[in-house]
Amino acid sequence: MEKSNYTLGELIFDIGCLLKKYEETMIENNSTAKLLKTKQVLDAYPILTQYGLEQAVRENKIPVIKRGKLNYYDSNDIENYIKNQKVSISNKECISEKVKYV
């Protein structure tokens, strides 16, 4: 095996490149995301029911990580799912027919 002689400057430059790649990877992976168990998801997001969560997983709307009998969910995936469920309603649809003609 042949030894390569690096100067100190080259070595520091290579370390800097490795650190930059690591930093970019951490930003892409969004290191603030947390993995939550099913119970934790239901506690943190009361808008979701266990049935609704299971149905979203079956329909591939929410990715799940299975580890034995436990399911883990990425908090960012849950938040994106909830954001995608929003529906805008126009003012005409909000007023019931009885109130409209009184």
PDB file of N, CA and C in Angstrom:
ATOM      1  N   MET A   1       0.840  -1.170   0.000  1.00  0.00           N
ATOM      2  CA  MET A   1       0.000   0.000   0.000  1.00  0.00           C
ATOM      3  C   MET A   1       0.885   1.234   0.000  1.00  0.00           C
ATOM      4  N   GLU A   2       0.577   2.134  -0.899  1.00  0.00           N
ATOM      5  CA  GLU A   2       1.408   3.310  -1.049  1.00  0.00           C
ATOM      6  C   GLU A   2       0.897   4.439  -0.171  1.00  0.00           C
ATOM      7  N   LYS A   3       1.772   5.092   0.533  1.00  0.00           N
ATOM      8  CA  LYS A   3       1.399   6.219   1.387  1.00  0.00           C
ATOM      9  C   LYS A   3       1.372   7.482   0.553  1.00  0.00           C
ATOM     10  N   SER A   4       0.341   8.286   0.786  1.00  0.00           N
ATOM     11  CA  SER A   4       0.256   9.586   0.133  1.00  0.00           C
ATOM     12  C   SER A   4       0.666  10.641   1.141  1.00  0.00           C
ATOM     13  N   ASN A   5       1.498  11.544   0.692  1.00  0.00           N
ATOM     14  CA  ASN A   5       1.922  12.630   1.567  1.00  0.00           C
ATOM     15  C   ASN A   5       1.048  13.853   1.300  1.00  0.00           C
ATOM     16  N   TYR A   6       0.264  14.195   2.302  1.00  0.00           N
ATOM     17  CA  TYR A   6      -0.574  15.385   2.217  1.00  0.00           C
ATOM     18  C   TYR A   6       0.103  16.508   2.976  1.00  0.00           C
ATOM     19  N   THR A   7      -0.049  17.687   2.431  1.00  0.00           N
ATOM     20  CA  THR A   7       0.399  18.843   3.203  1.00  0.00           C
ATOM     21  C   THR A   7      -0.712  19.173   4.190  1.00  0.00           C
ATOM     22  N   LEU A   8      -0.384  19.935   5.187  1.00  0.00           N
ATOM     23  CA  LEU A   8      -1.363  20.313   6.196  1.00  0.00           C
ATOM     24  C   LEU A   8      -2.509  21.095   5.569  1.00  0.00           C
ATOM     25  N   GLY A   9      -2.212  21.939   4.628  1.00  0.00           N
ATOM     26  CA  GLY A   9      -3.242  22.731   3.945  1.00  0.00           C
ATOM     27  C   GLY A   9      -4.217  21.851   3.186  1.00  0.00           C
ATOM     28  N   GLU A  10      -3.721  20.832   2.479  1.00  0.00           N
ATOM     29  CA  GLU A  10      -4.592  19.921   1.733  1.00  0.00           C
ATOM     30  C   GLU A  10      -5.492  19.127   2.675  1.00  0.00           C
ATOM     31  N   LEU A  11      -4.928  18.710   3.782  1.00  0.00           N
ATOM     32  CA  LEU A  11      -5.687  17.949   4.766  1.00  0.00           C
ATOM     33  C   LEU A  11      -6.817  18.798   5.355  1.00  0.00           C
ATOM     34  N   ILE A  12      -6.528  20.021   5.708  1.00  0.00           N
ATOM     35  CA  ILE A  12      -7.548  20.917   6.261  1.00  0.00           C
ATOM     36  C   ILE A  12      -8.615  21.218   5.209  1.00  0.00           C
ATOM     37  N   PHE A  13      -8.203  21.397   3.955  1.00  0.00           N
ATOM     38  CA  PHE A  13      -9.151  21.638   2.878  1.00  0.00           C
ATOM     39  C   PHE A  13     -10.093  20.452   2.712  1.00  0.00           C
ATOM     40  N   ASP A  14      -9.550  19.232   2.735  1.00  0.00           N
ATOM     41  CA  ASP A  14     -10.377  18.022   2.603  1.00  0.00           C
ATOM     42  C   ASP A  14     -11.357  17.891   3.764  1.00  0.00           C
ATOM     43  N   ILE A  15     -10.908  18.201   4.965  1.00  0.00           N
ATOM     44  CA  ILE A  15     -11.797  18.153   6.127  1.00  0.00           C
ATOM     45  C   ILE A  15     -12.916  19.178   5.975  1.00  0.00           C
ATOM     46  N   GLY A  16     -12.591  20.357   5.487  1.00  0.00           N
ATOM     47  CA  GLY A  16     -13.601  21.383   5.243  1.00  0.00           C
ATOM     48  C   GLY A  16     -14.643  20.931   4.241  1.00  0.00           C
ATOM     49  N   CYS A  17     -14.203  20.256   3.168  1.00  0.00           N
ATOM     50  CA  CYS A  17     -15.139  19.742   2.164  1.00  0.00           C
ATOM     51  C   CYS A  17     -16.063  18.685   2.766  1.00  0.00           C
ATOM     52  N   LEU A  18     -15.502  17.820   3.590  1.00  0.00           N
ATOM     53  CA  LEU A  18     -16.316  16.788   4.241  1.00  0.00           C
ATOM     54  C   LEU A  18     -17.352  17.412   5.183  1.00  0.00           C
ATOM     55  N   LEU A  19     -16.936  18.433   5.930  1.00  0.00           N
ATOM     56  CA  LEU A  19     -17.869  19.104   6.826  1.00  0.00           C
ATOM     57  C   LEU A  19     -18.985  19.800   6.056  1.00  0.00           C
ATOM     58  N   LYS A  20     -18.650  20.389   4.908  1.00  0.00           N
ATOM     59  CA  LYS A  20     -19.662  21.059   4.096  1.00  0.00           C
ATOM     60  C   LYS A  20     -20.680  20.050   3.559  1.00  0.00           C
ATOM     61  N   LYS A  21     -20.200  18.888   3.090  1.00  0.00           N
ATOM     62  CA  LYS A  21     -21.103  17.852   2.599  1.00  0.00           C
ATOM     63  C   LYS A  21     -22.011  17.360   3.724  1.00  0.00           C
ATOM     64  N   TYR A  22     -21.444  17.190   4.918  1.00  0.00           N
ATOM     65  CA  TYR A  22     -22.227  16.747   6.072  1.00  0.00           C
ATOM     66  C   TYR A  22     -23.300  17.767   6.422  1.00  0.00           C
ATOM     67  N   GLU A  23     -22.942  19.039   6.406  1.00  0.00           N
ATOM     68  CA  GLU A  23     -23.893  20.107   6.722  1.00  0.00           C
ATOM     69  C   GLU A  23     -25.026  20.136   5.704  1.00  0.00           C
ATOM     70  N   GLU A  24     -24.714  19.989   4.416  1.00  0.00           N
ATOM     71  CA  GLU A  24     -25.738  19.980   3.381  1.00  0.00           C
ATOM     72  C   GLU A  24     -26.677  18.789   3.553  1.00  0.00           C
ATOM     73  N   THR A  25     -26.130  17.640   3.922  1.00  0.00           N
ATOM     74  CA  THR A  25     -26.945  16.454   4.139  1.00  0.00           C
ATOM     75  C   THR A  25     -27.887  16.653   5.320  1.00  0.00           C
ATOM     76  N   MET A  26     -27.395  17.273   6.386  1.00  0.00           N
ATOM     77  CA  MET A  26     -28.234  17.510   7.560  1.00  0.00           C
ATOM     78  C   MET A  26     -29.359  18.484   7.232  1.00  0.00           C
ATOM     79  N   ILE A  27     -29.081  19.493   6.416  1.00  0.00           N
ATOM     80  CA  ILE A  27     -30.118  20.451   6.032  1.00  0.00           C
ATOM     81  C   ILE A  27     -31.166  19.758   5.170  1.00  0.00           C
ATOM     82  N   GLU A  28     -30.725  18.906   4.236  1.00  0.00           N
ATOM     83  CA  GLU A  28     -31.659  18.184   3.371  1.00  0.00           C
ATOM     84  C   GLU A  28     -32.537  17.250   4.184  1.00  0.00           C
ATOM     85  N   ASN A  29     -31.973  16.603   5.182  1.00  0.00           N
ATOM     86  CA  ASN A  29     -32.724  15.649   5.993  1.00  0.00           C
ATOM     87  C   ASN A  29     -33.580  16.335   7.049  1.00  0.00           C
ATOM     88  N   ASN A  30     -33.436  17.660   7.164  1.00  0.00           N
ATOM     89  CA  ASN A  30     -34.178  18.454   8.137  1.00  0.00           C
ATOM     90  C   ASN A  30     -34.052  17.821   9.521  1.00  0.00           C
ATOM     91  N   SER A  31     -32.956  18.093  10.158  1.00  0.00           N
ATOM     92  CA  SER A  31     -32.624  17.452  11.422  1.00  0.00           C
ATOM     93  C   SER A  31     -33.589  17.788  12.551  1.00  0.00           C
ATOM     94  N   THR A  32     -34.560  18.692  12.321  1.00  0.00           N
ATOM     95  CA  THR A  32     -35.534  19.007  13.362  1.00  0.00           C
ATOM     96  C   THR A  32     -36.676  18.000  13.396  1.00  0.00           C
ATOM     97  N   ALA A  33     -36.777  17.144  12.410  1.00  0.00           N
ATOM     98  CA  ALA A  33     -37.853  16.164  12.363  1.00  0.00           C
ATOM     99  C   ALA A  33     -37.672  15.127  13.471  1.00  0.00           C
ATOM    100  N   LYS A  34     -38.817  14.682  14.002  1.00  0.00           N
ATOM    101  CA  LYS A  34     -38.781  13.677  15.044  1.00  0.00           C
ATOM    102  C   LYS A  34     -39.625  12.492  14.619  1.00  0.00           C
ATOM    103  N   LEU A  35     -39.210  11.309  15.035  1.00  0.00           N
ATOM    104  CA  LEU A  35     -40.014  10.128  14.817  1.00  0.00           C
ATOM    105  C   LEU A  35     -40.922   9.939  16.019  1.00  0.00           C
ATOM    106  N   LEU A  36     -42.206   9.744  15.740  1.00  0.00           N
ATOM    107  CA  LEU A  36     -43.195   9.604  16.794  1.00  0.00           C
ATOM    108  C   LEU A  36     -43.897   8.255  16.678  1.00  0.00           C
ATOM    109  N   LYS A  37     -44.198   7.654  17.830  1.00  0.00           N
ATOM    110  CA  LYS A  37     -45.006   6.438  17.851  1.00  0.00           C
ATOM    111  C   LYS A  37     -46.456   6.828  17.600  1.00  0.00           C
ATOM    112  N   THR A  38     -47.288   5.837  17.310  1.00  0.00           N
ATOM    113  CA  THR A  38     -48.696   6.098  17.011  1.00  0.00           C
ATOM    114  C   THR A  38     -49.370   6.877  18.135  1.00  0.00           C
ATOM    115  N   LYS A  39     -49.187   6.469  19.371  1.00  0.00           N
ATOM    116  CA  LYS A  39     -49.802   7.143  20.522  1.00  0.00           C
ATOM    117  C   LYS A  39     -49.335   8.593  20.622  1.00  0.00           C
ATOM    118  N   GLN A  40     -48.042   8.828  20.364  1.00  0.00           N
ATOM    119  CA  GLN A  40     -47.507  10.184  20.417  1.00  0.00           C
ATOM    120  C   GLN A  40     -48.110  11.065  19.328  1.00  0.00           C
ATOM    121  N   VAL A  41     -48.322  10.487  18.139  1.00  0.00           N
ATOM    122  CA  VAL A  41     -48.942  11.249  17.041  1.00  0.00           C
ATOM    123  C   VAL A  41     -50.361  11.646  17.423  1.00  0.00           C
ATOM    124  N   LEU A  42     -51.112  10.699  17.982  1.00  0.00           N
ATOM    125  CA  LEU A  42     -52.498  10.973  18.348  1.00  0.00           C
ATOM    126  C   LEU A  42     -52.585  12.002  19.471  1.00  0.00           C
ATOM    127  N   ASP A  43     -51.619  11.989  20.390  1.00  0.00           N
ATOM    128  CA  ASP A  43     -51.594  12.979  21.466  1.00  0.00           C
ATOM    129  C   ASP A  43     -51.182  14.363  20.956  1.00  0.00           C
ATOM    130  N   ALA A  44     -50.203  14.401  20.054  1.00  0.00           N
ATOM    131  CA  ALA A  44     -49.677  15.666  19.554  1.00  0.00           C
ATOM    132  C   ALA A  44     -50.606  16.328  18.533  1.00  0.00           C
ATOM    133  N   TYR A  45     -51.369  15.522  17.801  1.00  0.00           N
ATOM    134  CA  TYR A  45     -52.253  16.035  16.757  1.00  0.00           C
ATOM    135  C   TYR A  45     -53.679  15.536  17.030  1.00  0.00           C
ATOM    136  N   PRO A  46     -54.418  16.213  17.899  1.00  0.00           N
ATOM    137  CA  PRO A  46     -55.755  15.721  18.260  1.00  0.00           C
ATOM    138  C   PRO A  46     -56.748  15.701  17.106  1.00  0.00           C
ATOM    139  N   ILE A  47     -56.423  16.344  16.013  1.00  0.00           N
ATOM    140  CA  ILE A  47     -57.312  16.329  14.853  1.00  0.00           C
ATOM    141  C   ILE A  47     -57.338  14.937  14.197  1.00  0.00           C
ATOM    142  N   LEU A  48     -56.326  14.139  14.434  1.00  0.00           N
ATOM    143  CA  LEU A  48     -56.240  12.799  13.852  1.00  0.00           C
ATOM    144  C   LEU A  48     -56.829  11.766  14.801  1.00  0.00           C
ATOM    145  N   THR A  49     -57.516  10.791  14.224  1.00  0.00           N
ATOM    146  CA  THR A  49     -57.980   9.640  14.991  1.00  0.00           C
ATOM    147  C   THR A  49     -57.119   8.448  14.607  1.00  0.00           C
ATOM    148  N   GLN A  50     -57.181   7.407  15.402  1.00  0.00           N
ATOM    149  CA  GLN A  50     -56.387   6.220  15.079  1.00  0.00           C
ATOM    150  C   GLN A  50     -56.855   5.620  13.752  1.00  0.00           C
ATOM    151  N   TYR A  51     -58.174   5.580  13.544  1.00  0.00           N
ATOM    152  CA  TYR A  51     -58.698   5.054  12.290  1.00  0.00           C
ATOM    153  C   TYR A  51     -58.237   5.902  11.106  1.00  0.00           C
ATOM    154  N   GLY A  52     -58.313   7.218  11.252  1.00  0.00           N
ATOM    155  CA  GLY A  52     -57.896   8.120  10.174  1.00  0.00           C
ATOM    156  C   GLY A  52     -56.420   7.982   9.853  1.00  0.00           C
ATOM    157  N   LEU A  53     -55.608   7.801  10.893  1.00  0.00           N
ATOM    158  CA  LEU A  53     -54.167   7.622  10.695  1.00  0.00           C
ATOM    159  C   LEU A  53     -53.885   6.318   9.962  1.00  0.00           C
ATOM    160  N   GLU A  54     -54.545   5.242  10.393  1.00  0.00           N
ATOM    161  CA  GLU A  54     -54.358   3.942   9.733  1.00  0.00           C
ATOM    162  C   GLU A  54     -54.834   3.976   8.294  1.00  0.00           C
ATOM    163  N   GLN A  55     -55.929   4.683   8.047  1.00  0.00           N
ATOM    164  CA  GLN A  55     -56.446   4.794   6.682  1.00  0.00           C
ATOM    165  C   GLN A  55     -55.481   5.576   5.791  1.00  0.00           C
ATOM    166  N   ALA A  56     -54.906   6.646   6.316  1.00  0.00           N
ATOM    167  CA  ALA A  56     -53.939   7.433   5.543  1.00  0.00           C
ATOM    168  C   ALA A  56     -52.702   6.599   5.223  1.00  0.00           C
ATOM    169  N   VAL A  57     -52.296   5.739   6.136  1.00  0.00           N
ATOM    170  CA  VAL A  57     -51.149   4.854   5.879  1.00  0.00           C
ATOM    171  C   VAL A  57     -51.508   3.844   4.794  1.00  0.00           C
ATOM    172  N   ARG A  58     -52.723   3.255   4.887  1.00  0.00           N
ATOM    173  CA  ARG A  58     -53.153   2.272   3.881  1.00  0.00           C
ATOM    174  C   ARG A  58     -53.219   2.886   2.488  1.00  0.00           C
ATOM    175  N   GLU A  59     -53.622   4.160   2.420  1.00  0.00           N
ATOM    176  CA  GLU A  59     -53.743   4.851   1.133  1.00  0.00           C
ATOM    177  C   GLU A  59     -52.426   5.498   0.701  1.00  0.00           C
ATOM    178  N   ASN A  60     -51.344   5.227   1.434  1.00  0.00           N
ATOM    179  CA  ASN A  60     -50.007   5.753   1.146  1.00  0.00           C
ATOM    180  C   ASN A  60     -49.952   7.279   1.144  1.00  0.00           C
ATOM    181  N   LYS A  61     -50.758   7.901   1.995  1.00  0.00           N
ATOM    182  CA  LYS A  61     -50.716   9.353   2.132  1.00  0.00           C
ATOM    183  C   LYS A  61     -49.720   9.774   3.207  1.00  0.00           C
ATOM    184  N   ILE A  62     -49.456   8.865   4.141  1.00  0.00           N
ATOM    185  CA  ILE A  62     -48.471   9.103   5.194  1.00  0.00           C
ATOM    186  C   ILE A  62     -47.513   7.922   5.213  1.00  0.00           C
ATOM    187  N   PRO A  63     -46.199   8.167   5.031  1.00  0.00           N
ATOM    188  CA  PRO A  63     -45.240   7.065   5.125  1.00  0.00           C
ATOM    189  C   PRO A  63     -45.066   6.634   6.586  1.00  0.00           C
ATOM    190  N   VAL A  64     -44.801   5.367   6.775  1.00  0.00           N
ATOM    191  CA  VAL A  64     -44.650   4.813   8.114  1.00  0.00           C
ATOM    192  C   VAL A  64     -43.390   3.953   8.162  1.00  0.00           C
ATOM    193  N   ILE A  65     -42.739   3.962   9.309  1.00  0.00           N
ATOM    194  CA  ILE A  65     -41.581   3.100   9.533  1.00  0.00           C
ATOM    195  C   ILE A  65     -42.034   2.028  10.515  1.00  0.00           C
ATOM    196  N   LYS A  66     -41.976   0.786  10.099  1.00  0.00           N
ATOM    197  CA  LYS A  66     -42.410  -0.312  10.956  1.00  0.00           C
ATOM    198  C   LYS A  66     -41.189  -0.951  11.600  1.00  0.00           C
ATOM    199  N   ARG A  67     -41.269  -1.119  12.902  1.00  0.00           N
ATOM    200  CA  ARG A  67     -40.192  -1.756  13.667  1.00  0.00           C
ATOM    201  C   ARG A  67     -40.870  -2.739  14.608  1.00  0.00           C
ATOM    202  N   GLY A  68     -40.916  -3.996  14.209  1.00  0.00           N
ATOM    203  CA  GLY A  68     -41.649  -4.978  14.989  1.00  0.00           C
ATOM    204  C   GLY A  68     -43.130  -4.670  14.916  1.00  0.00           C
ATOM    205  N   LYS A  69     -43.770  -4.546  16.075  1.00  0.00           N
ATOM    206  CA  LYS A  69     -45.191  -4.214  16.114  1.00  0.00           C
ATOM    207  C   LYS A  69     -45.440  -2.716  16.179  1.00  0.00           C
ATOM    208  N   LEU A  70     -44.392  -1.935  16.304  1.00  0.00           N
ATOM    209  CA  LEU A  70     -44.534  -0.489  16.457  1.00  0.00           C
ATOM    210  C   LEU A  70     -44.456   0.218  15.108  1.00  0.00           C
ATOM    211  N   ASN A  71     -45.236   1.282  14.981  1.00  0.00           N
ATOM    212  CA  ASN A  71     -45.184   2.154  13.812  1.00  0.00           C
ATOM    213  C   ASN A  71     -44.621   3.494  14.242  1.00  0.00           C
ATOM    214  N   TYR A  72     -43.712   4.021  13.437  1.00  0.00           N
ATOM    215  CA  TYR A  72     -43.126   5.332  13.700  1.00  0.00           C
ATOM    216  C   TYR A  72     -43.441   6.247  12.528  1.00  0.00           C
ATOM    217  N   TYR A  73     -43.766   7.494  12.862  1.00  0.00           N
ATOM    218  CA  TYR A  73     -44.132   8.484  11.859  1.00  0.00           C
ATOM    219  C   TYR A  73     -43.219   9.691  11.980  1.00  0.00           C
ATOM    220  N   ASP A  74     -42.835  10.262  10.846  1.00  0.00           N
ATOM    221  CA  ASP A  74     -42.037  11.482  10.829  1.00  0.00           C
ATOM    222  C   ASP A  74     -42.979  12.655  11.072  1.00  0.00           C
ATOM    223  N   SER A  75     -42.633  13.517  12.018  1.00  0.00           N
ATOM    224  CA  SER A  75     -43.512  14.641  12.363  1.00  0.00           C
ATOM    225  C   SER A  75     -43.740  15.563  11.166  1.00  0.00           C
ATOM    226  N   ASN A  76     -42.752  15.714  10.309  1.00  0.00           N
ATOM    227  CA  ASN A  76     -42.928  16.566   9.117  1.00  0.00           C
ATOM    228  C   ASN A  76     -43.947  15.956   8.157  1.00  0.00           C
ATOM    229  N   ASP A  77     -43.953  14.630   8.023  1.00  0.00           N
ATOM    230  CA  ASP A  77     -44.929  13.973   7.155  1.00  0.00           C
ATOM    231  C   ASP A  77     -46.347  14.168   7.683  1.00  0.00           C
ATOM    232  N   ILE A  78     -46.507  14.092   9.001  1.00  0.00           N
ATOM    233  CA  ILE A  78     -47.823  14.284   9.609  1.00  0.00           C
ATOM    234  C   ILE A  78     -48.305  15.721   9.372  1.00  0.00           C
ATOM    235  N   GLU A  79     -47.419  16.690   9.578  1.00  0.00           N
ATOM    236  CA  GLU A  79     -47.799  18.086   9.382  1.00  0.00           C
ATOM    237  C   GLU A  79     -48.136  18.375   7.924  1.00  0.00           C
ATOM    238  N   ASN A  80     -47.380  17.802   6.989  1.00  0.00           N
ATOM    239  CA  ASN A  80     -47.682  17.984   5.564  1.00  0.00           C
ATOM    240  C   ASN A  80     -49.026  17.364   5.212  1.00  0.00           C
ATOM    241  N   TYR A  81     -49.326  16.205   5.781  1.00  0.00           N
ATOM    242  CA  TYR A  81     -50.606  15.551   5.529  1.00  0.00           C
ATOM    243  C   TYR A  81     -51.756  16.436   6.008  1.00  0.00           C
ATOM    244  N   ILE A  82     -51.618  16.986   7.199  1.00  0.00           N
ATOM    245  CA  ILE A  82     -52.672  17.848   7.743  1.00  0.00           C
ATOM    246  C   ILE A  82     -52.838  19.102   6.882  1.00  0.00           C
ATOM    247  N   LYS A  83     -51.734  19.700   6.443  1.00  0.00           N
ATOM    248  CA  LYS A  83     -51.814  20.883   5.582  1.00  0.00           C
ATOM    249  C   LYS A  83     -52.522  20.573   4.271  1.00  0.00           C
ATOM    250  N   ASN A  84     -52.273  19.375   3.718  1.00  0.00           N
ATOM    251  CA  ASN A  84     -52.893  18.993   2.452  1.00  0.00           C
ATOM    252  C   ASN A  84     -54.384  18.699   2.589  1.00  0.00           C
ATOM    253  N   GLN A  85     -54.875  18.505   3.809  1.00  0.00           N
ATOM    254  CA  GLN A  85     -56.286  18.204   4.034  1.00  0.00           C
ATOM    255  C   GLN A  85     -57.145  19.458   4.136  1.00  0.00           C
ATOM    256  N   LYS A  86     -56.529  20.631   4.136  1.00  0.00           N
ATOM    257  CA  LYS A  86     -57.290  21.870   4.258  1.00  0.00           C
ATOM    258  C   LYS A  86     -58.152  22.090   3.023  1.00  0.00           C
ATOM    259  N   VAL A  87     -59.374  22.560   3.275  1.00  0.00           N
ATOM    260  CA  VAL A  87     -60.310  22.840   2.196  1.00  0.00           C
ATOM    261  C   VAL A  87     -60.808  24.263   2.380  1.00  0.00           C
ATOM    262  N   SER A  88     -60.788  25.039   1.306  1.00  0.00           N
ATOM    263  CA  SER A  88     -61.313  26.404   1.400  1.00  0.00           C
ATOM    264  C   SER A  88     -62.783  26.394   1.000  1.00  0.00           C
ATOM    265  N   ILE A  89     -63.585  27.130   1.760  1.00  0.00           N
ATOM    266  CA  ILE A  89     -65.018  27.190   1.514  1.00  0.00           C
ATOM    267  C   ILE A  89     -65.379  28.642   1.227  1.00  0.00           C
ATOM    268  N   SER A  90     -66.161  28.844   0.184  1.00  0.00           N
ATOM    269  CA  SER A  90     -66.575  30.211  -0.142  1.00  0.00           C
ATOM    270  C   SER A  90     -67.660  30.660   0.835  1.00  0.00           C
ATOM    271  N   ASN A  91     -67.895  31.964   0.905  1.00  0.00           N
ATOM    272  CA  ASN A  91     -68.884  32.526   1.832  1.00  0.00           C
ATOM    273  C   ASN A  91     -70.294  32.015   1.551  1.00  0.00           C
ATOM    274  N   LYS A  92     -70.622  31.775   0.299  1.00  0.00           N
ATOM    275  CA  LYS A  92     -71.963  31.310  -0.059  1.00  0.00           C
ATOM    276  C   LYS A  92     -72.235  29.937   0.542  1.00  0.00           C
ATOM    277  N   GLU A  93     -71.229  29.095   0.611  1.00  0.00           N
ATOM    278  CA  GLU A  93     -71.409  27.751   1.136  1.00  0.00           C
ATOM    279  C   GLU A  93     -71.521  27.749   2.655  1.00  0.00           C
ATOM    280  N   CYS A  94     -71.016  28.778   3.322  1.00  0.00           N
ATOM    281  CA  CYS A  94     -71.034  28.827   4.777  1.00  0.00           C
ATOM    282  C   CYS A  94     -72.409  29.198   5.327  1.00  0.00           C
ATOM    283  N   ILE A  95     -73.175  29.917   4.565  1.00  0.00           N
ATOM    284  CA  ILE A  95     -74.474  30.375   5.038  1.00  0.00           C
ATOM    285  C   ILE A  95     -75.504  29.295   4.738  1.00  0.00           C
ATOM    286  N   SER A  96     -76.208  28.873   5.772  1.00  0.00           N
ATOM    287  CA  SER A  96     -77.228  27.833   5.545  1.00  0.00           C
ATOM    288  C   SER A  96     -78.406  28.422   4.782  1.00  0.00           C
ATOM    289  N   GLU A  97     -79.199  27.587   4.153  1.00  0.00           N
ATOM    290  CA  GLU A  97     -80.320  28.030   3.342  1.00  0.00           C
ATOM    291  C   GLU A  97     -81.390  28.726   4.185  1.00  0.00           C
ATOM    292  N   LYS A  98     -81.598  28.268   5.434  1.00  0.00           N
ATOM    293  CA  LYS A  98     -82.620  28.863   6.285  1.00  0.00           C
ATOM    294  C   LYS A  98     -82.245  30.300   6.656  1.00  0.00           C
ATOM    295  N   VAL A  99     -80.998  30.520   7.002  1.00  0.00           N
ATOM    296  CA  VAL A  99     -80.539  31.857   7.399  1.00  0.00           C
ATOM    297  C   VAL A  99     -80.496  32.779   6.201  1.00  0.00           C
ATOM    298  N   LYS A 100     -80.231  32.244   5.039  1.00  0.00           N
ATOM    299  CA  LYS A 100     -80.066  33.038   3.831  1.00  0.00           C
ATOM    300  C   LYS A 100     -81.355  33.786   3.472  1.00  0.00           C
ATOM    301  N   TYR A 101     -82.515  33.172   3.690  1.00  0.00           N
ATOM    302  CA  TYR A 101     -83.762  33.789   3.250  1.00  0.00           C
ATOM    303  C   TYR A 101     -84.585  34.377   4.389  1.00  0.00           C
ATOM    304  N   VAL A 102     -84.023  34.494   5.579  1.00  0.00           N
ATOM    305  CA  VAL A 102     -84.781  35.069   6.707  1.00  0.00           C
ATOM    306  C   VAL A 102     -84.741  36.572   6.647  1.00  0.00           C
TER     307      VAL A 102
END
